[in-house]
Amino acid sequence: MTPSRKPILVAVLLIATAVAGIAVAQWWMEVRFHESTNNAYISGDITAFSPKVSGYVKEVLVSDNQLVQKGDVLVIIEDLEYAAKVERAQAAVTRAQAGLVNIEQRRLLQAALIDEAEAYTDAHQADLERTTKDLDRARQLVSDGWVSKQGEDYATTDELRARATLASSQAATSAAKQRLVVLDSEKHQLLAEVSQAEADLRLAKIDLRSTVMRAPTSGTVGNRRVRAGEYVRPGTRLLALVPLQSVWVVANFKETQLTHMRPGNIAEVTVDTFPSKPFRGVVDSISPASGAEFSLLPPENATGNFTKVVQRIPVKIVLPADNPLIGRLAPGMSVYVTVDTHSGDASAADSSRKAIKHNATKYNLSEIR
C-alpha cells in the first residue's frame, strides 16, 4: 500500500464506522421499539340493509356506490295490503270504542233502573208498614168486639200482599244491581278490546311506514342486490351501507410483537392505494383473543400431531378525524402498519379506552410522543 492511499483508507474506515455507529444507535433508540406488519386492512361498520315487512318491491331509489344521508329513502315496497290492514285495524278500534260507549250508556240506564227499583222498594216498605199497623188495629178491634172476624181477614190479606210485593221489589232491586256488576265486567272486557285494537292499529301503521325503507345511517351504497318487482321478506339482504367517514385499521400482529404494545401507542399507516400519503393513527385496543379463536372452527391442539404456529392478534387502530384520506378509505383496503411501542401515554389510554369511539378525536396526536 502506498503512503498516499493510507489516509484515504483510514478516512473510509472512519466514515463506515461512524455510519455503522449511527445505524446501531438509531436501532437501539428507535427501530427496536417499532413493530410492523402488512397483515392489516381498513375496516368499518358495514350495515346490512334488510326489510321489516314482506312484499313486492315497488321502487328502488338508489344505485350502486351512491352516497346517501341518514333518512334518505332507499327502497319502497308495495303498500296496498298494509294500507288496507291499517283501515281494518282502524275499523276495529272504532267498533271497540263504539261498544265501550254503548256499554257505558247501558250502565247509566241500569243505574237509573236501580234507583227506580229502590224507590219502589221504599214505597212497598211503607205499604207493608201501613198494612201491618192496619192488621194490628183490626185484631185489637176484633178482640174488643167492634169489628167482625172478616175485617181482620181483609187486613191480614192486605198485609201478606204488601209483604210479598216488598219481597218481589227487593229481589228486583238486587237483580238490577247484579246486572250492573255484569255490565261493569263487560266494560272492563271492552276496555281490553279497545287497547288491543289500538295496539293492532299501531302495529299496522308501523308496518305501513316500514314499506318506505330509509337509510339508518349515512354512507355509501354497496352490494345492491334488490331490484324493482322482486318479492322480499324480513331478513332478505337488499344492499349494504358503508360509512366511509367512520373507518379504522385492524392490524393482525404476531403474538411475539405485542410484548410492549399498549393502547395509546402511535402507529404509522400506509395504505397500498395511497403509498405516498402515510398518516398517523393511535392504537385503540388489542383483541382479547387471537383471530383463530373467533373462526368458525377454532383449532384443537390436544392432538398428537401438534405443530406450533405463531398466532396473530388483531389490533384496532383509530384514525384522526382530520385525516385528509377520510372518505376515500374503503373497508378491505390493504395497509402497512408500524407501531412505535414507546410512544403515547399507555396508562391514560388504558383508563379511557372504554370511552373511545371510532375516531381519534380523543387523542391529541401532536402531544403524544
Protein backbone atom coordinates (compact mmCIF):
# COMPACT_ATOMS: atom_id res chain seq x y z
CA MET A 1 0.00 0.00 0.00
CA THR A 2 1.44 3.32 -1.00
CA PRO A 3 1.69 6.06 1.60
CA SER A 4 -0.71 8.28 -0.41
CA ARG A 5 -3.59 5.75 -0.15
CA LYS A 6 -3.28 5.06 3.57
CA PRO A 7 -5.00 8.29 4.71
CA ILE A 8 -7.86 7.60 2.25
CA LEU A 9 -8.37 4.09 3.60
CA VAL A 10 -8.35 5.38 7.17
CA ALA A 11 -10.92 8.02 6.26
CA VAL A 12 -13.18 5.43 4.61
CA LEU A 13 -12.94 3.16 7.65
CA LEU A 14 -13.75 6.06 9.97
CA ILE A 15 -16.76 7.03 7.86
CA ALA A 16 -18.01 3.43 7.71
CA THR A 17 -17.53 3.08 11.44
CA ALA A 18 -19.45 6.33 12.03
CA VAL A 19 -22.31 5.26 9.75
CA ALA A 20 -22.49 1.86 11.43
CA GLY A 21 -22.47 3.54 14.83
CA ILE A 22 -25.26 5.88 13.82
CA ALA A 23 -27.27 2.97 12.43
CA VAL A 24 -26.74 0.94 15.61
CA ALA A 25 -27.64 3.93 17.77
CA GLN A 26 -30.78 4.57 15.75
CA TRP A 27 -31.76 0.94 16.00
CA TRP A 28 -31.11 0.95 19.74
CA MET A 29 -33.03 4.16 20.39
CA GLU A 30 -35.88 3.89 17.90
CA VAL A 31 -36.14 0.99 15.46
CA ARG A 32 -36.08 -1.76 18.06
CA PHE A 33 -39.26 -0.31 19.55
CA HIS A 34 -41.11 -0.41 16.20
CA GLU A 35 -43.38 -3.34 15.31
CA SER A 36 -44.59 -3.63 11.71
CA THR A 37 -46.98 -5.80 9.73
CA ASN A 38 -48.56 -5.84 6.29
CA ASN A 39 -51.34 -8.13 7.53
CA ALA A 40 -53.62 -5.16 8.07
CA TYR A 41 -56.75 -3.78 6.48
CA ILE A 42 -59.17 -0.89 6.61
CA SER A 43 -62.35 -1.84 8.47
CA GLY A 44 -65.70 -0.15 9.12
CA ASP A 45 -69.26 -0.64 10.28
CA ILE A 46 -70.90 -2.15 7.20
CA THR A 47 -74.67 -2.15 7.71
CA ALA A 48 -76.61 -4.94 6.01
CA PHE A 49 -79.94 -3.42 4.91
CA SER A 50 -82.99 -5.70 5.20
CA PRO A 51 -86.77 -5.09 5.14
CA LYS A 52 -89.01 -5.35 8.20
CA VAL A 53 -92.03 -6.42 6.12
CA SER A 54 -92.54 -8.70 3.15
CA GLY A 55 -93.89 -7.69 -0.22
CA TYR A 56 -93.08 -6.80 -3.79
CA VAL A 57 -90.51 -4.06 -4.32
CA LYS A 58 -92.26 -1.09 -5.89
CA GLU A 59 -89.25 1.15 -6.46
CA VAL A 60 -85.51 1.24 -5.84
CA LEU A 61 -84.29 4.81 -5.44
CA VAL A 62 -80.53 4.25 -5.16
CA SER A 63 -77.85 2.91 -7.43
CA ASP A 64 -74.56 1.16 -6.78
CA ASN A 65 -71.89 3.19 -4.97
CA GLN A 66 -74.29 6.10 -4.36
CA LEU A 67 -73.71 8.32 -1.33
CA VAL A 68 -76.81 8.63 0.86
CA GLN A 69 -77.61 10.50 4.03
CA LYS A 70 -79.38 9.20 7.11
CA GLY A 71 -83.13 9.21 6.48
CA ASP A 72 -82.94 9.10 2.67
CA VAL A 73 -85.49 6.79 1.04
CA LEU A 74 -83.74 3.76 -0.46
CA VAL A 75 -86.44 1.22 -1.31
CA ILE A 76 -90.25 1.33 -1.45
CA ILE A 77 -92.33 -1.84 -1.02
CA GLU A 78 -95.86 -2.09 -2.41
CA ASP A 79 -98.12 -0.81 0.39
CA LEU A 80 -101.70 -1.54 -0.76
CA GLU A 81 -102.05 -4.56 1.51
CA TYR A 82 -100.59 -2.73 4.50
CA ALA A 83 -102.80 0.33 3.91
CA ALA A 84 -105.83 -1.99 3.90
CA LYS A 85 -104.64 -3.54 7.17
CA VAL A 86 -104.45 -0.06 8.70
CA GLU A 87 -108.02 0.65 7.61
CA ARG A 88 -109.19 -2.67 9.02
CA ALA A 89 -107.40 -2.01 12.31
CA GLN A 90 -108.90 1.49 12.43
CA ALA A 91 -112.36 -0.01 11.92
CA ALA A 92 -111.73 -2.47 14.73
CA VAL A 93 -110.76 0.41 17.02
CA THR A 94 -113.91 2.33 16.07
CA ARG A 95 -116.06 -0.75 16.66
CA ALA A 96 -114.46 -1.42 20.05
CA GLN A 97 -114.84 2.22 21.08
CA ALA A 98 -118.50 2.19 19.99
CA GLY A 99 -119.06 -0.94 22.08
CA LEU A 100 -117.48 0.85 25.03
CA VAL A 101 -119.78 3.87 24.56
CA ASN A 102 -122.76 1.52 24.30
CA ILE A 103 -121.88 -0.32 27.49
CA GLU A 104 -121.43 3.00 29.28
CA GLN A 105 -124.93 4.08 28.20
CA ARG A 106 -126.31 0.75 29.36
CA ARG A 107 -124.63 1.27 32.73
CA LEU A 108 -126.22 4.69 33.06
CA LEU A 109 -129.62 3.20 32.17
CA GLN A 110 -129.11 0.35 34.62
CA ALA A 111 -128.15 2.81 37.35
CA ALA A 112 -131.43 4.65 36.68
CA LEU A 113 -133.34 1.37 36.82
CA ILE A 114 -131.71 0.60 40.17
CA ASP A 115 -132.80 4.00 41.50
CA GLU A 116 -136.32 3.27 40.28
CA ALA A 117 -136.32 -0.20 41.83
CA GLU A 118 -135.09 1.20 45.14
CA ALA A 119 -137.87 3.82 45.06
CA TYR A 120 -140.46 1.08 44.51
CA THR A 121 -138.89 -0.89 47.35
CA ASP A 122 -139.18 2.11 49.65
CA ALA A 123 -142.84 2.56 48.65
CA HIS A 124 -143.61 -1.10 49.18
CA GLN A 125 -141.82 -0.96 52.53
CA ALA A 126 -144.12 1.89 53.51
CA ASP A 127 -147.16 -0.10 52.32
CA LEU A 128 -146.05 -3.05 54.41
CA GLU A 129 -145.66 -0.87 57.48
CA ARG A 130 -149.12 0.60 56.90
CA THR A 131 -150.81 -2.75 56.35
CA THR A 132 -149.04 -4.16 59.41
CA LYS A 133 -150.43 -1.33 61.53
CA ASP A 134 -153.87 -1.82 59.97
CA LEU A 135 -153.71 -5.53 60.84
CA ASP A 136 -152.73 -4.75 64.43
CA ARG A 137 -155.62 -2.33 64.76
CA ALA A 138 -158.05 -4.78 63.16
CA ARG A 139 -157.00 -7.50 65.60
CA GLN A 140 -157.47 -5.10 68.50
CA LEU A 141 -160.90 -4.08 67.28
CA VAL A 142 -161.89 -7.74 66.79
CA SER A 143 -160.81 -8.53 70.34
CA ASP A 144 -162.84 -5.52 71.60
CA GLY A 145 -165.82 -6.65 69.55
CA TRP A 146 -166.02 -3.59 67.37
CA VAL A 147 -165.05 -5.33 64.08
CA SER A 148 -166.08 -8.68 62.73
CA LYS A 149 -163.64 -11.50 62.01
CA GLN A 150 -163.99 -10.77 58.28
CA GLY A 151 -162.45 -7.33 58.74
CA GLU A 152 -159.40 -8.96 60.35
CA ASP A 153 -159.16 -11.35 57.41
CA TYR A 154 -159.16 -8.46 54.96
CA ALA A 155 -156.40 -6.72 56.90
CA THR A 156 -154.38 -9.94 57.05
CA THR A 157 -154.68 -10.40 53.30
CA ASP A 158 -153.56 -6.80 52.66
CA GLU A 159 -150.56 -7.29 54.96
CA LEU A 160 -149.49 -10.52 53.24
CA ARG A 161 -149.92 -8.93 49.82
CA ALA A 162 -147.77 -5.94 50.87
CA ARG A 163 -145.12 -8.26 52.30
CA ALA A 164 -144.98 -10.30 49.05
CA THR A 165 -144.86 -7.14 46.96
CA LEU A 166 -141.94 -5.83 49.06
CA ALA A 167 -140.05 -9.13 48.66
CA SER A 168 -140.58 -9.01 44.91
CA SER A 169 -139.40 -5.40 44.80
CA GLN A 170 -136.31 -6.21 46.84
CA ALA A 171 -135.49 -9.15 44.54
CA ALA A 172 -135.90 -6.90 41.51
CA THR A 173 -133.57 -4.32 43.08
CA SER A 174 -130.96 -7.00 43.82
CA ALA A 175 -131.19 -8.33 40.25
CA ALA A 176 -130.79 -4.81 38.86
CA LYS A 177 -127.66 -4.28 40.95
CA GLN A 178 -126.29 -7.63 39.81
CA ARG A 179 -126.86 -6.65 36.18
CA LEU A 180 -124.81 -3.51 36.87
CA VAL A 181 -121.95 -5.71 38.12
CA VAL A 182 -122.18 -7.73 34.91
CA LEU A 183 -122.11 -4.53 32.86
CA ASP A 184 -119.00 -3.39 34.76
CA SER A 185 -117.30 -6.68 33.89
CA GLU A 186 -118.29 -6.26 30.24
CA LYS A 187 -116.89 -2.72 30.35
CA HIS A 188 -113.50 -3.98 31.54
CA GLN A 189 -113.52 -6.56 28.76
CA LEU A 190 -114.35 -3.88 26.19
CA LEU A 191 -111.57 -1.67 27.56
CA ALA A 192 -109.15 -4.54 26.96
CA GLU A 193 -110.54 -4.98 23.45
CA VAL A 194 -110.08 -1.26 22.76
CA SER A 195 -106.46 -1.45 23.99
CA GLN A 196 -105.80 -4.49 21.82
CA ALA A 197 -107.42 -2.85 18.79
CA GLU A 198 -105.35 0.31 19.31
CA ALA A 199 -102.18 -1.79 19.62
CA ASP A 200 -103.08 -3.63 16.42
CA LEU A 201 -103.60 -0.28 14.74
CA ARG A 202 -100.17 0.94 15.88
CA LEU A 203 -98.56 -2.24 14.57
CA ALA A 204 -100.38 -1.86 11.26
CA LYS A 205 -99.17 1.73 10.97
CA ILE A 206 -95.61 0.63 11.78
CA ASP A 207 -95.79 -1.99 9.02
CA LEU A 208 -97.17 0.61 6.62
CA ARG A 209 -94.34 3.03 7.45
CA SER A 210 -91.86 0.18 7.07
CA THR A 211 -92.78 -0.16 3.39
CA VAL A 212 -90.78 3.04 2.89
CA MET A 213 -87.26 1.97 3.75
CA ARG A 214 -84.89 4.74 4.80
CA ALA A 215 -81.17 4.75 5.37
CA PRO A 216 -80.45 4.06 9.06
CA THR A 217 -77.13 5.84 8.75
CA SER A 218 -75.17 7.92 6.27
CA GLY A 219 -72.88 6.02 3.97
CA THR A 220 -72.23 4.68 0.51
CA VAL A 221 -74.44 2.03 -1.07
CA GLY A 222 -72.69 -1.21 -1.93
CA ASN A 223 -73.55 -4.76 -2.90
CA ARG A 224 -77.01 -3.72 -4.12
CA ARG A 225 -79.00 -6.88 -4.82
CA VAL A 226 -82.59 -5.63 -4.76
CA ARG A 227 -84.50 -4.96 -7.97
CA ALA A 228 -87.94 -3.50 -8.64
CA GLY A 229 -90.64 -6.18 -8.79
CA GLU A 230 -88.70 -8.60 -6.60
CA TYR A 231 -90.52 -10.23 -3.66
CA VAL A 232 -88.61 -9.70 -0.42
CA ARG A 233 -89.06 -10.97 3.13
CA PRO A 234 -87.73 -9.84 6.51
CA GLY A 235 -84.08 -10.82 6.70
CA THR A 236 -83.55 -10.63 2.93
CA ARG A 237 -80.33 -8.70 2.35
CA LEU A 238 -81.10 -5.91 -0.10
CA LEU A 239 -77.92 -3.84 -0.02
CA ALA A 240 -75.15 -2.66 2.28
CA LEU A 241 -74.36 0.79 3.63
CA VAL A 242 -70.70 1.59 4.19
CA PRO A 243 -70.00 4.70 6.33
CA LEU A 244 -66.74 5.85 4.74
CA GLN A 245 -66.46 8.68 7.26
CA SER A 246 -66.05 6.21 10.12
CA VAL A 247 -63.33 3.68 9.38
CA TRP A 248 -60.38 2.28 11.29
CA VAL A 249 -57.49 -0.13 10.79
CA VAL A 250 -57.31 -3.73 12.01
CA ALA A 251 -53.70 -4.92 12.08
CA ASN A 252 -53.00 -8.59 12.77
CA PHE A 253 -49.69 -8.61 14.64
CA LYS A 254 -47.81 -11.72 15.65
CA GLU A 255 -48.20 -12.51 19.32
CA THR A 256 -44.46 -12.02 19.77
CA GLN A 257 -44.82 -8.40 18.62
CA LEU A 258 -47.26 -7.40 21.36
CA THR A 259 -44.86 -7.58 24.31
CA HIS A 260 -44.63 -3.79 24.72
CA MET A 261 -47.64 -2.69 22.65
CA ARG A 262 -50.31 -0.76 24.54
CA PRO A 263 -53.42 1.31 23.72
CA GLY A 264 -52.28 4.86 23.06
CA ASN A 265 -49.18 3.90 21.04
CA ILE A 266 -48.68 5.92 17.85
CA ALA A 267 -48.97 3.98 14.59
CA GLU A 268 -47.84 4.99 11.12
CA VAL A 269 -50.23 3.71 8.45
CA THR A 270 -49.57 3.44 4.73
CA VAL A 271 -52.44 2.40 2.50
CA ASP A 272 -51.47 0.44 -0.60
CA THR A 273 -53.86 2.60 -2.63
CA PHE A 274 -52.08 5.78 -1.48
CA PRO A 275 -48.44 4.75 -0.90
CA SER A 276 -47.17 8.31 -1.00
CA LYS A 277 -49.58 9.54 1.71
CA PRO A 278 -48.74 7.85 5.02
CA PHE A 279 -50.59 9.09 8.08
CA ARG A 280 -50.68 8.54 11.81
CA GLY A 281 -53.17 6.66 13.94
CA VAL A 282 -53.48 5.55 17.54
CA VAL A 283 -53.69 2.04 18.95
CA ASP A 284 -57.20 1.91 20.40
CA SER A 285 -57.40 -1.64 21.71
CA ILE A 286 -55.97 -5.14 21.43
CA SER A 287 -58.21 -8.14 20.82
CA PRO A 288 -58.82 -10.39 23.85
CA ALA A 289 -58.15 -13.49 21.72
CA SER A 290 -56.35 -14.50 18.57
CA GLY A 291 -58.14 -14.43 15.26
CA ALA A 292 -58.11 -18.23 15.14
CA GLU A 293 -60.21 -18.41 18.31
CA PHE A 294 -63.00 -16.44 16.65
CA SER A 295 -63.02 -18.55 13.50
CA LEU A 296 -65.84 -20.91 12.59
CA LEU A 297 -63.70 -23.92 13.53
CA PRO A 298 -61.27 -22.96 16.31
CA PRO A 299 -58.08 -25.04 16.35
CA GLU A 300 -58.00 -28.11 18.59
CA ASN A 301 -54.41 -28.59 19.73
CA ALA A 302 -54.99 -31.52 22.10
CA THR A 303 -53.79 -33.98 19.47
CA GLY A 304 -50.62 -35.98 18.92
CA ASN A 305 -49.61 -34.15 15.74
CA PHE A 306 -49.37 -30.69 17.28
CA THR A 307 -47.34 -28.11 15.36
CA LYS A 308 -46.75 -24.77 16.99
CA VAL A 309 -47.77 -21.79 14.86
CA VAL A 310 -47.24 -18.17 15.85
CA GLN A 311 -50.72 -16.70 16.37
CA ARG A 312 -51.98 -13.38 15.04
CA ILE A 313 -53.74 -10.95 17.39
CA PRO A 314 -55.99 -8.23 15.89
CA VAL A 315 -55.12 -4.69 16.98
CA LYS A 316 -57.54 -1.84 16.36
CA ILE A 317 -56.04 1.46 15.27
CA VAL A 318 -58.23 4.56 15.10
CA LEU A 319 -57.57 7.40 12.70
CA PRO A 320 -57.57 11.15 13.37
CA ALA A 321 -60.77 12.96 12.39
CA ASP A 322 -58.81 15.44 10.25
CA ASN A 323 -57.21 12.74 8.12
CA PRO A 324 -57.36 14.01 4.52
CA LEU A 325 -57.97 10.49 3.24
CA ILE A 326 -61.17 10.03 5.28
CA GLY A 327 -63.93 9.43 2.79
CA ARG A 328 -61.56 7.74 0.35
CA LEU A 329 -60.57 4.83 2.57
CA ALA A 330 -62.77 1.83 1.92
CA PRO A 331 -63.11 -1.25 4.17
CA GLY A 332 -60.96 -4.06 2.86
CA MET A 333 -58.07 -1.91 1.59
CA SER A 334 -54.65 -3.32 2.45
CA VAL A 335 -52.35 -1.24 4.62
CA TYR A 336 -48.87 -1.41 6.12
CA VAL A 337 -48.68 -0.52 9.80
CA THR A 338 -45.75 0.35 12.02
CA VAL A 339 -46.37 0.89 15.75
CA ASP A 340 -43.95 2.78 17.98
CA THR A 341 -44.28 0.87 21.26
CA HIS A 342 -42.51 3.65 23.21
CA SER A 343 -44.86 6.40 22.09
CA GLY A 344 -48.08 7.66 23.60
CA ASP A 345 -49.44 7.60 27.12
CA ALA A 346 -50.41 3.96 27.60
CA SER A 347 -51.75 4.41 31.15
CA ALA A 348 -54.05 7.24 30.09
CA ALA A 349 -55.24 5.22 27.13
CA ASP A 350 -55.99 2.22 29.36
CA SER A 351 -58.14 4.33 31.70
CA SER A 352 -60.18 5.93 28.92
CA ARG A 353 -60.33 3.17 26.28
CA LYS A 354 -63.99 2.36 27.02
CA ALA A 355 -64.94 5.93 26.12
CA ILE A 356 -63.11 5.89 22.79
CA LYS A 357 -65.37 5.93 19.73
CA HIS A 358 -64.46 5.13 16.15
CA ASN A 359 -62.35 8.22 15.63
CA ALA A 360 -59.15 9.66 17.04
CA THR A 361 -60.59 12.87 18.45
CA LYS A 362 -59.94 11.53 21.97
CA TYR A 363 -56.21 11.68 21.26
CA ASN A 364 -54.12 14.75 20.56
CA LEU A 365 -51.53 13.31 18.20
CA SER A 366 -49.37 16.40 18.40
CA GLU A 367 -48.93 15.89 22.17
CA ILE A 368 -48.20 12.14 22.10
CA ARG A 369 -44.51 11.50 21.61
